[in-house]
Amino acid sequence: QCCQLVMVSDREVVKPEQNRVQQI
């Protein structure tokens, strides 16, 4: 959940970040 919040904190969701959350 923290990884998801950090990913969206800049209001820009990009595929590499989404992939990293999945990997984690």
PDBML (XML) file of the C-alpha atoms, coordinates in Angstrom:
<?xml version="1.0" encoding="UTF-8" ?>
<PDBx:datablock datablockName="MODEL"
   xmlns:PDBx="http://pdbml.pdb.org/schema/pdbx-v50.xsd"
   xmlns:xsi="http://www.w3.org/2001/XMLSchema-instance"
   xsi:schemaLocation="http://pdbml.pdb.org/schema/pdbx-v50.xsd pdbx-v50.xsd">
   <PDBx:atom_siteCategory>
      <PDBx:atom_site id="1">
         <PDBx:B_iso_or_equiv>0.00</PDBx:B_iso_or_equiv>
         <PDBx:Cartn_x>0.000</PDBx:Cartn_x>
         <PDBx:Cartn_y>0.000</PDBx:Cartn_y>
         <PDBx:Cartn_z>0.000</PDBx:Cartn_z>
         <PDBx:auth_asym_id>A</PDBx:auth_asym_id>
         <PDBx:auth_atom_id>CA</PDBx:auth_atom_id>
         <PDBx:auth_comp_id>GLN</PDBx:auth_comp_id>
         <PDBx:auth_seq_id>1</PDBx:auth_seq_id>
         <PDBx:group_PDB>ATOM</PDBx:group_PDB>
         <PDBx:label_alt_id xsi:nil="true" />
         <PDBx:label_asym_id>A</PDBx:label_asym_id>
         <PDBx:label_atom_id>CA</PDBx:label_atom_id>
         <PDBx:label_comp_id>GLN</PDBx:label_comp_id>
         <PDBx:label_entity_id>1</PDBx:label_entity_id>
         <PDBx:label_seq_id>1</PDBx:label_seq_id>
         <PDBx:occupancy>1.00</PDBx:occupancy>
         <PDBx:pdbx_PDB_model_num>1</PDBx:pdbx_PDB_model_num>
         <PDBx:type_symbol>C</PDBx:type_symbol>
      </PDBx:atom_site>
      <PDBx:atom_site id="2">
         <PDBx:B_iso_or_equiv>0.00</PDBx:B_iso_or_equiv>
         <PDBx:Cartn_x>2.845</PDBx:Cartn_x>
         <PDBx:Cartn_y>2.421</PDBx:Cartn_y>
         <PDBx:Cartn_z>0.762</PDBx:Cartn_z>
         <PDBx:auth_asym_id>A</PDBx:auth_asym_id>
         <PDBx:auth_atom_id>CA</PDBx:auth_atom_id>
         <PDBx:auth_comp_id>CYS</PDBx:auth_comp_id>
         <PDBx:auth_seq_id>2</PDBx:auth_seq_id>
         <PDBx:group_PDB>ATOM</PDBx:group_PDB>
         <PDBx:label_alt_id xsi:nil="true" />
         <PDBx:label_asym_id>A</PDBx:label_asym_id>
         <PDBx:label_atom_id>CA</PDBx:label_atom_id>
         <PDBx:label_comp_id>CYS</PDBx:label_comp_id>
         <PDBx:label_entity_id>1</PDBx:label_entity_id>
         <PDBx:label_seq_id>2</PDBx:label_seq_id>
         <PDBx:occupancy>1.00</PDBx:occupancy>
         <PDBx:pdbx_PDB_model_num>1</PDBx:pdbx_PDB_model_num>
         <PDBx:type_symbol>C</PDBx:type_symbol>
      </PDBx:atom_site>
      <PDBx:atom_site id="3">
         <PDBx:B_iso_or_equiv>0.00</PDBx:B_iso_or_equiv>
         <PDBx:Cartn_x>4.460</PDBx:Cartn_x>
         <PDBx:Cartn_y>1.618</PDBx:Cartn_y>
         <PDBx:Cartn_z>-2.579</PDBx:Cartn_z>
         <PDBx:auth_asym_id>A</PDBx:auth_asym_id>
         <PDBx:auth_atom_id>CA</PDBx:auth_atom_id>
         <PDBx:auth_comp_id>CYS</PDBx:auth_comp_id>
         <PDBx:auth_seq_id>3</PDBx:auth_seq_id>
         <PDBx:group_PDB>ATOM</PDBx:group_PDB>
         <PDBx:label_alt_id xsi:nil="true" />
         <PDBx:label_asym_id>A</PDBx:label_asym_id>
         <PDBx:label_atom_id>CA</PDBx:label_atom_id>
         <PDBx:label_comp_id>CYS</PDBx:label_comp_id>
         <PDBx:label_entity_id>1</PDBx:label_entity_id>
         <PDBx:label_seq_id>3</PDBx:label_seq_id>
         <PDBx:occupancy>1.00</PDBx:occupancy>
         <PDBx:pdbx_PDB_model_num>1</PDBx:pdbx_PDB_model_num>
         <PDBx:type_symbol>C</PDBx:type_symbol>
      </PDBx:atom_site>
      <PDBx:atom_site id="4">
         <PDBx:B_iso_or_equiv>0.00</PDBx:B_iso_or_equiv>
         <PDBx:Cartn_x>1.178</PDBx:Cartn_x>
         <PDBx:Cartn_y>2.419</PDBx:Cartn_y>
         <PDBx:Cartn_z>-4.303</PDBx:Cartn_z>
         <PDBx:auth_asym_id>A</PDBx:auth_asym_id>
         <PDBx:auth_atom_id>CA</PDBx:auth_atom_id>
         <PDBx:auth_comp_id>GLN</PDBx:auth_comp_id>
         <PDBx:auth_seq_id>4</PDBx:auth_seq_id>
         <PDBx:group_PDB>ATOM</PDBx:group_PDB>
         <PDBx:label_alt_id xsi:nil="true" />
         <PDBx:label_asym_id>A</PDBx:label_asym_id>
         <PDBx:label_atom_id>CA</PDBx:label_atom_id>
         <PDBx:label_comp_id>GLN</PDBx:label_comp_id>
         <PDBx:label_entity_id>1</PDBx:label_entity_id>
         <PDBx:label_seq_id>4</PDBx:label_seq_id>
         <PDBx:occupancy>1.00</PDBx:occupancy>
         <PDBx:pdbx_PDB_model_num>1</PDBx:pdbx_PDB_model_num>
         <PDBx:type_symbol>C</PDBx:type_symbol>
      </PDBx:atom_site>
      <PDBx:atom_site id="5">
         <PDBx:B_iso_or_equiv>0.00</PDBx:B_iso_or_equiv>
         <PDBx:Cartn_x>0.830</PDBx:Cartn_x>
         <PDBx:Cartn_y>5.720</PDBx:Cartn_y>
         <PDBx:Cartn_z>-2.423</PDBx:Cartn_z>
         <PDBx:auth_asym_id>A</PDBx:auth_asym_id>
         <PDBx:auth_atom_id>CA</PDBx:auth_atom_id>
         <PDBx:auth_comp_id>LEU</PDBx:auth_comp_id>
         <PDBx:auth_seq_id>5</PDBx:auth_seq_id>
         <PDBx:group_PDB>ATOM</PDBx:group_PDB>
         <PDBx:label_alt_id xsi:nil="true" />
         <PDBx:label_asym_id>A</PDBx:label_asym_id>
         <PDBx:label_atom_id>CA</PDBx:label_atom_id>
         <PDBx:label_comp_id>LEU</PDBx:label_comp_id>
         <PDBx:label_entity_id>1</PDBx:label_entity_id>
         <PDBx:label_seq_id>5</PDBx:label_seq_id>
         <PDBx:occupancy>1.00</PDBx:occupancy>
         <PDBx:pdbx_PDB_model_num>1</PDBx:pdbx_PDB_model_num>
         <PDBx:type_symbol>C</PDBx:type_symbol>
      </PDBx:atom_site>
      <PDBx:atom_site id="6">
         <PDBx:B_iso_or_equiv>0.00</PDBx:B_iso_or_equiv>
         <PDBx:Cartn_x>4.395</PDBx:Cartn_x>
         <PDBx:Cartn_y>6.721</PDBx:Cartn_y>
         <PDBx:Cartn_z>-3.237</PDBx:Cartn_z>
         <PDBx:auth_asym_id>A</PDBx:auth_asym_id>
         <PDBx:auth_atom_id>CA</PDBx:auth_atom_id>
         <PDBx:auth_comp_id>VAL</PDBx:auth_comp_id>
         <PDBx:auth_seq_id>6</PDBx:auth_seq_id>
         <PDBx:group_PDB>ATOM</PDBx:group_PDB>
         <PDBx:label_alt_id xsi:nil="true" />
         <PDBx:label_asym_id>A</PDBx:label_asym_id>
         <PDBx:label_atom_id>CA</PDBx:label_atom_id>
         <PDBx:label_comp_id>VAL</PDBx:label_comp_id>
         <PDBx:label_entity_id>1</PDBx:label_entity_id>
         <PDBx:label_seq_id>6</PDBx:label_seq_id>
         <PDBx:occupancy>1.00</PDBx:occupancy>
         <PDBx:pdbx_PDB_model_num>1</PDBx:pdbx_PDB_model_num>
         <PDBx:type_symbol>C</PDBx:type_symbol>
      </PDBx:atom_site>
      <PDBx:atom_site id="7">
         <PDBx:B_iso_or_equiv>0.00</PDBx:B_iso_or_equiv>
         <PDBx:Cartn_x>3.834</PDBx:Cartn_x>
         <PDBx:Cartn_y>5.826</PDBx:Cartn_y>
         <PDBx:Cartn_z>-6.895</PDBx:Cartn_z>
         <PDBx:auth_asym_id>A</PDBx:auth_asym_id>
         <PDBx:auth_atom_id>CA</PDBx:auth_atom_id>
         <PDBx:auth_comp_id>MET</PDBx:auth_comp_id>
         <PDBx:auth_seq_id>7</PDBx:auth_seq_id>
         <PDBx:group_PDB>ATOM</PDBx:group_PDB>
         <PDBx:label_alt_id xsi:nil="true" />
         <PDBx:label_asym_id>A</PDBx:label_asym_id>
         <PDBx:label_atom_id>CA</PDBx:label_atom_id>
         <PDBx:label_comp_id>MET</PDBx:label_comp_id>
         <PDBx:label_entity_id>1</PDBx:label_entity_id>
         <PDBx:label_seq_id>7</PDBx:label_seq_id>
         <PDBx:occupancy>1.00</PDBx:occupancy>
         <PDBx:pdbx_PDB_model_num>1</PDBx:pdbx_PDB_model_num>
         <PDBx:type_symbol>C</PDBx:type_symbol>
      </PDBx:atom_site>
      <PDBx:atom_site id="8">
         <PDBx:B_iso_or_equiv>0.00</PDBx:B_iso_or_equiv>
         <PDBx:Cartn_x>0.783</PDBx:Cartn_x>
         <PDBx:Cartn_y>8.068</PDBx:Cartn_y>
         <PDBx:Cartn_z>-7.205</PDBx:Cartn_z>
         <PDBx:auth_asym_id>A</PDBx:auth_asym_id>
         <PDBx:auth_atom_id>CA</PDBx:auth_atom_id>
         <PDBx:auth_comp_id>VAL</PDBx:auth_comp_id>
         <PDBx:auth_seq_id>8</PDBx:auth_seq_id>
         <PDBx:group_PDB>ATOM</PDBx:group_PDB>
         <PDBx:label_alt_id xsi:nil="true" />
         <PDBx:label_asym_id>A</PDBx:label_asym_id>
         <PDBx:label_atom_id>CA</PDBx:label_atom_id>
         <PDBx:label_comp_id>VAL</PDBx:label_comp_id>
         <PDBx:label_entity_id>1</PDBx:label_entity_id>
         <PDBx:label_seq_id>8</PDBx:label_seq_id>
         <PDBx:occupancy>1.00</PDBx:occupancy>
         <PDBx:pdbx_PDB_model_num>1</PDBx:pdbx_PDB_model_num>
         <PDBx:type_symbol>C</PDBx:type_symbol>
      </PDBx:atom_site>
      <PDBx:atom_site id="9">
         <PDBx:B_iso_or_equiv>0.00</PDBx:B_iso_or_equiv>
         <PDBx:Cartn_x>2.106</PDBx:Cartn_x>
         <PDBx:Cartn_y>10.865</PDBx:Cartn_y>
         <PDBx:Cartn_z>-4.999</PDBx:Cartn_z>
         <PDBx:auth_asym_id>A</PDBx:auth_asym_id>
         <PDBx:auth_atom_id>CA</PDBx:auth_atom_id>
         <PDBx:auth_comp_id>SER</PDBx:auth_comp_id>
         <PDBx:auth_seq_id>9</PDBx:auth_seq_id>
         <PDBx:group_PDB>ATOM</PDBx:group_PDB>
         <PDBx:label_alt_id xsi:nil="true" />
         <PDBx:label_asym_id>A</PDBx:label_asym_id>
         <PDBx:label_atom_id>CA</PDBx:label_atom_id>
         <PDBx:label_comp_id>SER</PDBx:label_comp_id>
         <PDBx:label_entity_id>1</PDBx:label_entity_id>
         <PDBx:label_seq_id>9</PDBx:label_seq_id>
         <PDBx:occupancy>1.00</PDBx:occupancy>
         <PDBx:pdbx_PDB_model_num>1</PDBx:pdbx_PDB_model_num>
         <PDBx:type_symbol>C</PDBx:type_symbol>
      </PDBx:atom_site>
      <PDBx:atom_site id="10">
         <PDBx:B_iso_or_equiv>0.00</PDBx:B_iso_or_equiv>
         <PDBx:Cartn_x>3.336</PDBx:Cartn_x>
         <PDBx:Cartn_y>12.848</PDBx:Cartn_y>
         <PDBx:Cartn_z>-7.997</PDBx:Cartn_z>
         <PDBx:auth_asym_id>A</PDBx:auth_asym_id>
         <PDBx:auth_atom_id>CA</PDBx:auth_atom_id>
         <PDBx:auth_comp_id>ASP</PDBx:auth_comp_id>
         <PDBx:auth_seq_id>10</PDBx:auth_seq_id>
         <PDBx:group_PDB>ATOM</PDBx:group_PDB>
         <PDBx:label_alt_id xsi:nil="true" />
         <PDBx:label_asym_id>A</PDBx:label_asym_id>
         <PDBx:label_atom_id>CA</PDBx:label_atom_id>
         <PDBx:label_comp_id>ASP</PDBx:label_comp_id>
         <PDBx:label_entity_id>1</PDBx:label_entity_id>
         <PDBx:label_seq_id>10</PDBx:label_seq_id>
         <PDBx:occupancy>1.00</PDBx:occupancy>
         <PDBx:pdbx_PDB_model_num>1</PDBx:pdbx_PDB_model_num>
         <PDBx:type_symbol>C</PDBx:type_symbol>
      </PDBx:atom_site>
      <PDBx:atom_site id="11">
         <PDBx:B_iso_or_equiv>0.00</PDBx:B_iso_or_equiv>
         <PDBx:Cartn_x>-0.061</PDBx:Cartn_x>
         <PDBx:Cartn_y>12.392</PDBx:Cartn_y>
         <PDBx:Cartn_z>-9.689</PDBx:Cartn_z>
         <PDBx:auth_asym_id>A</PDBx:auth_asym_id>
         <PDBx:auth_atom_id>CA</PDBx:auth_atom_id>
         <PDBx:auth_comp_id>ARG</PDBx:auth_comp_id>
         <PDBx:auth_seq_id>11</PDBx:auth_seq_id>
         <PDBx:group_PDB>ATOM</PDBx:group_PDB>
         <PDBx:label_alt_id xsi:nil="true" />
         <PDBx:label_asym_id>A</PDBx:label_asym_id>
         <PDBx:label_atom_id>CA</PDBx:label_atom_id>
         <PDBx:label_comp_id>ARG</PDBx:label_comp_id>
         <PDBx:label_entity_id>1</PDBx:label_entity_id>
         <PDBx:label_seq_id>11</PDBx:label_seq_id>
         <PDBx:occupancy>1.00</PDBx:occupancy>
         <PDBx:pdbx_PDB_model_num>1</PDBx:pdbx_PDB_model_num>
         <PDBx:type_symbol>C</PDBx:type_symbol>
      </PDBx:atom_site>
      <PDBx:atom_site id="12">
         <PDBx:B_iso_or_equiv>0.00</PDBx:B_iso_or_equiv>
         <PDBx:Cartn_x>1.610</PDBx:Cartn_x>
         <PDBx:Cartn_y>10.631</PDBx:Cartn_y>
         <PDBx:Cartn_z>-12.588</PDBx:Cartn_z>
         <PDBx:auth_asym_id>A</PDBx:auth_asym_id>
         <PDBx:auth_atom_id>CA</PDBx:auth_atom_id>
         <PDBx:auth_comp_id>GLU</PDBx:auth_comp_id>
         <PDBx:auth_seq_id>12</PDBx:auth_seq_id>
         <PDBx:group_PDB>ATOM</PDBx:group_PDB>
         <PDBx:label_alt_id xsi:nil="true" />
         <PDBx:label_asym_id>A</PDBx:label_asym_id>
         <PDBx:label_atom_id>CA</PDBx:label_atom_id>
         <PDBx:label_comp_id>GLU</PDBx:label_comp_id>
         <PDBx:label_entity_id>1</PDBx:label_entity_id>
         <PDBx:label_seq_id>12</PDBx:label_seq_id>
         <PDBx:occupancy>1.00</PDBx:occupancy>
         <PDBx:pdbx_PDB_model_num>1</PDBx:pdbx_PDB_model_num>
         <PDBx:type_symbol>C</PDBx:type_symbol>
      </PDBx:atom_site>
      <PDBx:atom_site id="13">
         <PDBx:B_iso_or_equiv>0.00</PDBx:B_iso_or_equiv>
         <PDBx:Cartn_x>1.261</PDBx:Cartn_x>
         <PDBx:Cartn_y>6.875</PDBx:Cartn_y>
         <PDBx:Cartn_z>-12.969</PDBx:Cartn_z>
         <PDBx:auth_asym_id>A</PDBx:auth_asym_id>
         <PDBx:auth_atom_id>CA</PDBx:auth_atom_id>
         <PDBx:auth_comp_id>VAL</PDBx:auth_comp_id>
         <PDBx:auth_seq_id>13</PDBx:auth_seq_id>
         <PDBx:group_PDB>ATOM</PDBx:group_PDB>
         <PDBx:label_alt_id xsi:nil="true" />
         <PDBx:label_asym_id>A</PDBx:label_asym_id>
         <PDBx:label_atom_id>CA</PDBx:label_atom_id>
         <PDBx:label_comp_id>VAL</PDBx:label_comp_id>
         <PDBx:label_entity_id>1</PDBx:label_entity_id>
         <PDBx:label_seq_id>13</PDBx:label_seq_id>
         <PDBx:occupancy>1.00</PDBx:occupancy>
         <PDBx:pdbx_PDB_model_num>1</PDBx:pdbx_PDB_model_num>
         <PDBx:type_symbol>C</PDBx:type_symbol>
      </PDBx:atom_site>
      <PDBx:atom_site id="14">
         <PDBx:B_iso_or_equiv>0.00</PDBx:B_iso_or_equiv>
         <PDBx:Cartn_x>3.726</PDBx:Cartn_x>
         <PDBx:Cartn_y>5.270</PDBx:Cartn_y>
         <PDBx:Cartn_z>-15.337</PDBx:Cartn_z>
         <PDBx:auth_asym_id>A</PDBx:auth_asym_id>
         <PDBx:auth_atom_id>CA</PDBx:auth_atom_id>
         <PDBx:auth_comp_id>VAL</PDBx:auth_comp_id>
         <PDBx:auth_seq_id>14</PDBx:auth_seq_id>
         <PDBx:group_PDB>ATOM</PDBx:group_PDB>
         <PDBx:label_alt_id xsi:nil="true" />
         <PDBx:label_asym_id>A</PDBx:label_asym_id>
         <PDBx:label_atom_id>CA</PDBx:label_atom_id>
         <PDBx:label_comp_id>VAL</PDBx:label_comp_id>
         <PDBx:label_entity_id>1</PDBx:label_entity_id>
         <PDBx:label_seq_id>14</PDBx:label_seq_id>
         <PDBx:occupancy>1.00</PDBx:occupancy>
         <PDBx:pdbx_PDB_model_num>1</PDBx:pdbx_PDB_model_num>
         <PDBx:type_symbol>C</PDBx:type_symbol>
      </PDBx:atom_site>
      <PDBx:atom_site id="15">
         <PDBx:B_iso_or_equiv>0.00</PDBx:B_iso_or_equiv>
         <PDBx:Cartn_x>4.034</PDBx:Cartn_x>
         <PDBx:Cartn_y>1.628</PDBx:Cartn_y>
         <PDBx:Cartn_z>-16.351</PDBx:Cartn_z>
         <PDBx:auth_asym_id>A</PDBx:auth_asym_id>
         <PDBx:auth_atom_id>CA</PDBx:auth_atom_id>
         <PDBx:auth_comp_id>LYS</PDBx:auth_comp_id>
         <PDBx:auth_seq_id>15</PDBx:auth_seq_id>
         <PDBx:group_PDB>ATOM</PDBx:group_PDB>
         <PDBx:label_alt_id xsi:nil="true" />
         <PDBx:label_asym_id>A</PDBx:label_asym_id>
         <PDBx:label_atom_id>CA</PDBx:label_atom_id>
         <PDBx:label_comp_id>LYS</PDBx:label_comp_id>
         <PDBx:label_entity_id>1</PDBx:label_entity_id>
         <PDBx:label_seq_id>15</PDBx:label_seq_id>
         <PDBx:occupancy>1.00</PDBx:occupancy>
         <PDBx:pdbx_PDB_model_num>1</PDBx:pdbx_PDB_model_num>
         <PDBx:type_symbol>C</PDBx:type_symbol>
      </PDBx:atom_site>
      <PDBx:atom_site id="16">
         <PDBx:B_iso_or_equiv>0.00</PDBx:B_iso_or_equiv>
         <PDBx:Cartn_x>7.542</PDBx:Cartn_x>
         <PDBx:Cartn_y>1.034</PDBx:Cartn_y>
         <PDBx:Cartn_z>-14.884</PDBx:Cartn_z>
         <PDBx:auth_asym_id>A</PDBx:auth_asym_id>
         <PDBx:auth_atom_id>CA</PDBx:auth_atom_id>
         <PDBx:auth_comp_id>PRO</PDBx:auth_comp_id>
         <PDBx:auth_seq_id>16</PDBx:auth_seq_id>
         <PDBx:group_PDB>ATOM</PDBx:group_PDB>
         <PDBx:label_alt_id xsi:nil="true" />
         <PDBx:label_asym_id>A</PDBx:label_asym_id>
         <PDBx:label_atom_id>CA</PDBx:label_atom_id>
         <PDBx:label_comp_id>PRO</PDBx:label_comp_id>
         <PDBx:label_entity_id>1</PDBx:label_entity_id>
         <PDBx:label_seq_id>16</PDBx:label_seq_id>
         <PDBx:occupancy>1.00</PDBx:occupancy>
         <PDBx:pdbx_PDB_model_num>1</PDBx:pdbx_PDB_model_num>
         <PDBx:type_symbol>C</PDBx:type_symbol>
      </PDBx:atom_site>
      <PDBx:atom_site id="17">
         <PDBx:B_iso_or_equiv>0.00</PDBx:B_iso_or_equiv>
         <PDBx:Cartn_x>6.299</PDBx:Cartn_x>
         <PDBx:Cartn_y>2.183</PDBx:Cartn_y>
         <PDBx:Cartn_z>-11.461</PDBx:Cartn_z>
         <PDBx:auth_asym_id>A</PDBx:auth_asym_id>
         <PDBx:auth_atom_id>CA</PDBx:auth_atom_id>
         <PDBx:auth_comp_id>GLU</PDBx:auth_comp_id>
         <PDBx:auth_seq_id>17</PDBx:auth_seq_id>
         <PDBx:group_PDB>ATOM</PDBx:group_PDB>
         <PDBx:label_alt_id xsi:nil="true" />
         <PDBx:label_asym_id>A</PDBx:label_asym_id>
         <PDBx:label_atom_id>CA</PDBx:label_atom_id>
         <PDBx:label_comp_id>GLU</PDBx:label_comp_id>
         <PDBx:label_entity_id>1</PDBx:label_entity_id>
         <PDBx:label_seq_id>17</PDBx:label_seq_id>
         <PDBx:occupancy>1.00</PDBx:occupancy>
         <PDBx:pdbx_PDB_model_num>1</PDBx:pdbx_PDB_model_num>
         <PDBx:type_symbol>C</PDBx:type_symbol>
      </PDBx:atom_site>
      <PDBx:atom_site id="18">
         <PDBx:B_iso_or_equiv>0.00</PDBx:B_iso_or_equiv>
         <PDBx:Cartn_x>3.193</PDBx:Cartn_x>
         <PDBx:Cartn_y>0.005</PDBx:Cartn_y>
         <PDBx:Cartn_z>-11.734</PDBx:Cartn_z>
         <PDBx:auth_asym_id>A</PDBx:auth_asym_id>
         <PDBx:auth_atom_id>CA</PDBx:auth_atom_id>
         <PDBx:auth_comp_id>GLN</PDBx:auth_comp_id>
         <PDBx:auth_seq_id>18</PDBx:auth_seq_id>
         <PDBx:group_PDB>ATOM</PDBx:group_PDB>
         <PDBx:label_alt_id xsi:nil="true" />
         <PDBx:label_asym_id>A</PDBx:label_asym_id>
         <PDBx:label_atom_id>CA</PDBx:label_atom_id>
         <PDBx:label_comp_id>GLN</PDBx:label_comp_id>
         <PDBx:label_entity_id>1</PDBx:label_entity_id>
         <PDBx:label_seq_id>18</PDBx:label_seq_id>
         <PDBx:occupancy>1.00</PDBx:occupancy>
         <PDBx:pdbx_PDB_model_num>1</PDBx:pdbx_PDB_model_num>
         <PDBx:type_symbol>C</PDBx:type_symbol>
      </PDBx:atom_site>
      <PDBx:atom_site id="19">
         <PDBx:B_iso_or_equiv>0.00</PDBx:B_iso_or_equiv>
         <PDBx:Cartn_x>5.422</PDBx:Cartn_x>
         <PDBx:Cartn_y>-2.933</PDBx:Cartn_y>
         <PDBx:Cartn_z>-12.673</PDBx:Cartn_z>
         <PDBx:auth_asym_id>A</PDBx:auth_asym_id>
         <PDBx:auth_atom_id>CA</PDBx:auth_atom_id>
         <PDBx:auth_comp_id>ASN</PDBx:auth_comp_id>
         <PDBx:auth_seq_id>19</PDBx:auth_seq_id>
         <PDBx:group_PDB>ATOM</PDBx:group_PDB>
         <PDBx:label_alt_id xsi:nil="true" />
         <PDBx:label_asym_id>A</PDBx:label_asym_id>
         <PDBx:label_atom_id>CA</PDBx:label_atom_id>
         <PDBx:label_comp_id>ASN</PDBx:label_comp_id>
         <PDBx:label_entity_id>1</PDBx:label_entity_id>
         <PDBx:label_seq_id>19</PDBx:label_seq_id>
         <PDBx:occupancy>1.00</PDBx:occupancy>
         <PDBx:pdbx_PDB_model_num>1</PDBx:pdbx_PDB_model_num>
         <PDBx:type_symbol>C</PDBx:type_symbol>
      </PDBx:atom_site>
      <PDBx:atom_site id="20">
         <PDBx:B_iso_or_equiv>0.00</PDBx:B_iso_or_equiv>
         <PDBx:Cartn_x>7.639</PDBx:Cartn_x>
         <PDBx:Cartn_y>-2.288</PDBx:Cartn_y>
         <PDBx:Cartn_z>-9.650</PDBx:Cartn_z>
         <PDBx:auth_asym_id>A</PDBx:auth_asym_id>
         <PDBx:auth_atom_id>CA</PDBx:auth_atom_id>
         <PDBx:auth_comp_id>ARG</PDBx:auth_comp_id>
         <PDBx:auth_seq_id>20</PDBx:auth_seq_id>
         <PDBx:group_PDB>ATOM</PDBx:group_PDB>
         <PDBx:label_alt_id xsi:nil="true" />
         <PDBx:label_asym_id>A</PDBx:label_asym_id>
         <PDBx:label_atom_id>CA</PDBx:label_atom_id>
         <PDBx:label_comp_id>ARG</PDBx:label_comp_id>
         <PDBx:label_entity_id>1</PDBx:label_entity_id>
         <PDBx:label_seq_id>20</PDBx:label_seq_id>
         <PDBx:occupancy>1.00</PDBx:occupancy>
         <PDBx:pdbx_PDB_model_num>1</PDBx:pdbx_PDB_model_num>
         <PDBx:type_symbol>C</PDBx:type_symbol>
      </PDBx:atom_site>
      <PDBx:atom_site id="21">
         <PDBx:B_iso_or_equiv>0.00</PDBx:B_iso_or_equiv>
         <PDBx:Cartn_x>4.647</PDBx:Cartn_x>
         <PDBx:Cartn_y>-2.342</PDBx:Cartn_y>
         <PDBx:Cartn_z>-7.291</PDBx:Cartn_z>
         <PDBx:auth_asym_id>A</PDBx:auth_asym_id>
         <PDBx:auth_atom_id>CA</PDBx:auth_atom_id>
         <PDBx:auth_comp_id>VAL</PDBx:auth_comp_id>
         <PDBx:auth_seq_id>21</PDBx:auth_seq_id>
         <PDBx:group_PDB>ATOM</PDBx:group_PDB>
         <PDBx:label_alt_id xsi:nil="true" />
         <PDBx:label_asym_id>A</PDBx:label_asym_id>
         <PDBx:label_atom_id>CA</PDBx:label_atom_id>
         <PDBx:label_comp_id>VAL</PDBx:label_comp_id>
         <PDBx:label_entity_id>1</PDBx:label_entity_id>
         <PDBx:label_seq_id>21</PDBx:label_seq_id>
         <PDBx:occupancy>1.00</PDBx:occupancy>
         <PDBx:pdbx_PDB_model_num>1</PDBx:pdbx_PDB_model_num>
         <PDBx:type_symbol>C</PDBx:type_symbol>
      </PDBx:atom_site>
      <PDBx:atom_site id="22">
         <PDBx:B_iso_or_equiv>0.00</PDBx:B_iso_or_equiv>
         <PDBx:Cartn_x>3.638</PDBx:Cartn_x>
         <PDBx:Cartn_y>-5.674</PDBx:Cartn_y>
         <PDBx:Cartn_z>-8.853</PDBx:Cartn_z>
         <PDBx:auth_asym_id>A</PDBx:auth_asym_id>
         <PDBx:auth_atom_id>CA</PDBx:auth_atom_id>
         <PDBx:auth_comp_id>GLN</PDBx:auth_comp_id>
         <PDBx:auth_seq_id>22</PDBx:auth_seq_id>
         <PDBx:group_PDB>ATOM</PDBx:group_PDB>
         <PDBx:label_alt_id xsi:nil="true" />
         <PDBx:label_asym_id>A</PDBx:label_asym_id>
         <PDBx:label_atom_id>CA</PDBx:label_atom_id>
         <PDBx:label_comp_id>GLN</PDBx:label_comp_id>
         <PDBx:label_entity_id>1</PDBx:label_entity_id>
         <PDBx:label_seq_id>22</PDBx:label_seq_id>
         <PDBx:occupancy>1.00</PDBx:occupancy>
         <PDBx:pdbx_PDB_model_num>1</PDBx:pdbx_PDB_model_num>
         <PDBx:type_symbol>C</PDBx:type_symbol>
      </PDBx:atom_site>
      <PDBx:atom_site id="23">
         <PDBx:B_iso_or_equiv>0.00</PDBx:B_iso_or_equiv>
         <PDBx:Cartn_x>7.174</PDBx:Cartn_x>
         <PDBx:Cartn_y>-7.067</PDBx:Cartn_y>
         <PDBx:Cartn_z>-8.453</PDBx:Cartn_z>
         <PDBx:auth_asym_id>A</PDBx:auth_asym_id>
         <PDBx:auth_atom_id>CA</PDBx:auth_atom_id>
         <PDBx:auth_comp_id>GLN</PDBx:auth_comp_id>
         <PDBx:auth_seq_id>23</PDBx:auth_seq_id>
         <PDBx:group_PDB>ATOM</PDBx:group_PDB>
         <PDBx:label_alt_id xsi:nil="true" />
         <PDBx:label_asym_id>A</PDBx:label_asym_id>
         <PDBx:label_atom_id>CA</PDBx:label_atom_id>
         <PDBx:label_comp_id>GLN</PDBx:label_comp_id>
         <PDBx:label_entity_id>1</PDBx:label_entity_id>
         <PDBx:label_seq_id>23</PDBx:label_seq_id>
         <PDBx:occupancy>1.00</PDBx:occupancy>
         <PDBx:pdbx_PDB_model_num>1</PDBx:pdbx_PDB_model_num>
         <PDBx:type_symbol>C</PDBx:type_symbol>
      </PDBx:atom_site>
      <PDBx:atom_site id="24">
         <PDBx:B_iso_or_equiv>0.00</PDBx:B_iso_or_equiv>
         <PDBx:Cartn_x>7.263</PDBx:Cartn_x>
         <PDBx:Cartn_y>-6.004</PDBx:Cartn_y>
         <PDBx:Cartn_z>-4.811</PDBx:Cartn_z>
         <PDBx:auth_asym_id>A</PDBx:auth_asym_id>
         <PDBx:auth_atom_id>CA</PDBx:auth_atom_id>
         <PDBx:auth_comp_id>ILE</PDBx:auth_comp_id>
         <PDBx:auth_seq_id>24</PDBx:auth_seq_id>
         <PDBx:group_PDB>ATOM</PDBx:group_PDB>
         <PDBx:label_alt_id xsi:nil="true" />
         <PDBx:label_asym_id>A</PDBx:label_asym_id>
         <PDBx:label_atom_id>CA</PDBx:label_atom_id>
         <PDBx:label_comp_id>ILE</PDBx:label_comp_id>
         <PDBx:label_entity_id>1</PDBx:label_entity_id>
         <PDBx:label_seq_id>24</PDBx:label_seq_id>
         <PDBx:occupancy>1.00</PDBx:occupancy>
         <PDBx:pdbx_PDB_model_num>1</PDBx:pdbx_PDB_model_num>
         <PDBx:type_symbol>C</PDBx:type_symbol>
      </PDBx:atom_site>
   </PDBx:atom_siteCategory>
</PDBx:datablock>
